[in-house]
């Protein structure tokens, strides 16, 4: 499963029109830190030029 970066900046996704372009990056960073704190394996990966990927294994 991958989330394209461009889709994160569109209004239909629920973000306000004045949202900064790095909102998704900030959310993913926070989620990664929380998962790491609880000892979860690294499953969210950045795919340059595409977006993010959640891997199950």
N, C-alpha and C. Protein backbone atom coordinates (compact mmCIF):
# COMPACT_ATOMS: atom_id res chain seq x y z
N UNK A 1 0.85 -1.16 0.00
CA UNK A 1 0.00 0.00 0.00
C UNK A 1 0.90 1.23 0.00
N UNK A 2 0.62 2.18 -0.86
CA UNK A 2 1.43 3.40 -0.93
C UNK A 2 0.51 4.61 -0.98
N UNK A 3 0.95 5.69 -0.36
CA UNK A 3 0.21 6.94 -0.36
C UNK A 3 1.02 7.98 -1.12
N UNK A 4 0.54 8.43 -2.27
CA UNK A 4 1.29 9.43 -3.03
C UNK A 4 1.32 10.77 -2.32
N UNK A 5 2.44 11.45 -2.42
CA UNK A 5 2.58 12.77 -1.79
C UNK A 5 1.61 13.78 -2.38
N UNK A 6 1.40 13.74 -3.69
CA UNK A 6 0.53 14.71 -4.34
C UNK A 6 -0.89 14.62 -3.81
N UNK A 7 -1.37 13.44 -3.51
CA UNK A 7 -2.73 13.26 -3.02
C UNK A 7 -2.92 13.88 -1.64
N UNK A 8 -1.84 14.03 -0.89
CA UNK A 8 -1.96 14.57 0.46
C UNK A 8 -2.23 16.07 0.47
N UNK A 9 -2.05 16.74 -0.64
CA UNK A 9 -2.21 18.19 -0.68
C UNK A 9 -3.51 18.61 -1.36
N UNK A 10 -4.35 17.68 -1.69
CA UNK A 10 -5.60 18.00 -2.37
C UNK A 10 -6.70 18.29 -1.36
N UNK A 11 -7.57 19.19 -1.69
CA UNK A 11 -8.65 19.55 -0.79
C UNK A 11 -9.59 18.39 -0.46
N UNK A 12 -9.97 17.50 -1.41
CA UNK A 12 -10.87 16.40 -1.08
C UNK A 12 -10.36 15.48 0.02
N UNK A 13 -9.06 15.48 0.29
CA UNK A 13 -8.52 14.62 1.32
C UNK A 13 -8.82 15.13 2.72
N UNK A 14 -9.40 16.29 2.83
CA UNK A 14 -9.77 16.81 4.14
C UNK A 14 -8.82 17.85 4.69
N UNK A 15 -7.73 18.11 4.00
CA UNK A 15 -6.80 19.13 4.48
C UNK A 15 -7.29 20.52 4.11
N UNK A 16 -7.11 21.48 4.97
CA UNK A 16 -7.48 22.85 4.60
C UNK A 16 -6.66 23.33 3.41
N UNK A 17 -7.20 24.25 2.65
CA UNK A 17 -6.50 24.73 1.46
C UNK A 17 -5.20 25.42 1.80
N UNK A 18 -5.08 25.99 2.99
CA UNK A 18 -3.86 26.69 3.39
C UNK A 18 -2.86 25.81 4.10
N UNK A 19 -3.07 24.49 4.10
CA UNK A 19 -2.16 23.57 4.80
C UNK A 19 -0.78 23.59 4.16
N UNK A 20 0.21 23.44 5.00
CA UNK A 20 1.58 23.38 4.50
C UNK A 20 1.80 22.08 3.75
N UNK A 21 2.77 22.07 2.84
CA UNK A 21 3.02 20.90 2.02
C UNK A 21 3.64 19.74 2.79
N UNK A 22 4.13 19.98 3.99
CA UNK A 22 4.79 18.92 4.74
C UNK A 22 3.91 18.33 5.84
N UNK A 23 2.60 18.52 5.77
CA UNK A 23 1.70 18.01 6.80
C UNK A 23 1.79 16.49 6.88
N UNK A 24 1.74 15.82 5.75
CA UNK A 24 1.81 14.36 5.75
C UNK A 24 3.15 13.87 6.28
N UNK A 25 4.24 14.51 5.89
CA UNK A 25 5.57 14.13 6.38
C UNK A 25 5.63 14.24 7.90
N UNK A 26 5.07 15.30 8.45
CA UNK A 26 5.06 15.52 9.89
C UNK A 26 4.24 14.45 10.60
N UNK A 27 3.11 14.09 10.05
CA UNK A 27 2.26 13.05 10.64
C UNK A 27 2.95 11.69 10.61
N UNK A 28 3.58 11.36 9.50
CA UNK A 28 4.29 10.08 9.38
C UNK A 28 5.46 10.03 10.36
N UNK A 29 6.18 11.14 10.50
CA UNK A 29 7.30 11.21 11.45
C UNK A 29 6.81 10.93 12.87
N UNK A 30 5.70 11.57 13.23
CA UNK A 30 5.14 11.39 14.56
C UNK A 30 4.67 9.95 14.77
N UNK A 31 4.03 9.38 13.77
CA UNK A 31 3.58 8.00 13.86
C UNK A 31 4.75 7.04 14.01
N UNK A 32 5.82 7.26 13.25
CA UNK A 32 7.01 6.41 13.36
C UNK A 32 7.60 6.46 14.76
N UNK A 33 7.68 7.66 15.34
CA UNK A 33 8.22 7.80 16.70
C UNK A 33 7.37 7.07 17.73
N UNK A 34 6.05 7.17 17.59
CA UNK A 34 5.15 6.49 18.53
C UNK A 34 5.28 4.98 18.41
N UNK A 35 5.36 4.47 17.19
CA UNK A 35 5.52 3.04 16.98
C UNK A 35 6.85 2.55 17.53
N UNK A 36 7.91 3.32 17.32
CA UNK A 36 9.23 2.96 17.83
C UNK A 36 9.23 2.92 19.35
N UNK A 37 8.56 3.86 19.98
CA UNK A 37 8.48 3.93 21.45
C UNK A 37 7.85 2.65 22.00
N UNK A 38 6.88 2.10 21.29
CA UNK A 38 6.19 0.90 21.75
C UNK A 38 6.84 -0.39 21.25
N UNK A 39 7.99 -0.27 20.59
CA UNK A 39 8.75 -1.43 20.16
C UNK A 39 8.26 -2.09 18.89
N UNK A 40 7.43 -1.41 18.14
CA UNK A 40 6.91 -1.98 16.89
C UNK A 40 8.00 -1.96 15.82
N UNK A 41 7.98 -2.93 14.92
CA UNK A 41 8.97 -2.94 13.83
C UNK A 41 8.72 -1.80 12.85
N UNK A 42 9.77 -1.41 12.14
CA UNK A 42 9.66 -0.33 11.15
C UNK A 42 8.90 -0.84 9.94
N UNK A 43 7.69 -0.32 9.74
CA UNK A 43 6.86 -0.79 8.62
C UNK A 43 6.52 0.32 7.63
N UNK A 44 6.72 1.56 8.01
CA UNK A 44 6.39 2.68 7.13
C UNK A 44 7.69 3.17 6.50
N UNK A 45 7.73 3.12 5.17
CA UNK A 45 8.94 3.49 4.45
C UNK A 45 8.64 4.62 3.47
N UNK A 46 9.61 5.49 3.30
CA UNK A 46 9.48 6.58 2.34
C UNK A 46 9.94 6.08 0.98
N UNK A 47 9.13 6.35 -0.04
CA UNK A 47 9.47 6.01 -1.42
C UNK A 47 9.69 7.34 -2.13
N UNK A 48 10.94 7.66 -2.38
CA UNK A 48 11.26 8.96 -2.98
C UNK A 48 10.55 9.17 -4.29
N UNK A 49 9.96 10.36 -4.41
CA UNK A 49 9.26 10.72 -5.63
C UNK A 49 7.87 10.12 -5.76
N UNK A 50 7.49 9.27 -4.81
CA UNK A 50 6.18 8.62 -4.86
C UNK A 50 5.36 8.96 -3.64
N UNK A 51 5.88 8.66 -2.47
CA UNK A 51 5.14 8.90 -1.23
C UNK A 51 5.62 7.95 -0.14
N UNK A 52 4.68 7.23 0.48
CA UNK A 52 5.00 6.34 1.56
C UNK A 52 4.45 4.95 1.28
N UNK A 53 5.08 3.96 1.90
CA UNK A 53 4.67 2.57 1.73
C UNK A 53 4.58 1.93 3.10
N UNK A 54 3.50 1.19 3.33
CA UNK A 54 3.34 0.44 4.58
C UNK A 54 3.54 -1.03 4.23
N UNK A 55 4.57 -1.60 4.81
CA UNK A 55 4.89 -3.00 4.51
C UNK A 55 4.47 -3.89 5.66
N UNK A 56 3.97 -5.06 5.33
CA UNK A 56 3.51 -5.97 6.36
C UNK A 56 4.61 -6.91 6.82
N UNK A 57 5.65 -7.06 6.03
CA UNK A 57 6.77 -7.96 6.43
C UNK A 57 8.08 -7.33 6.13
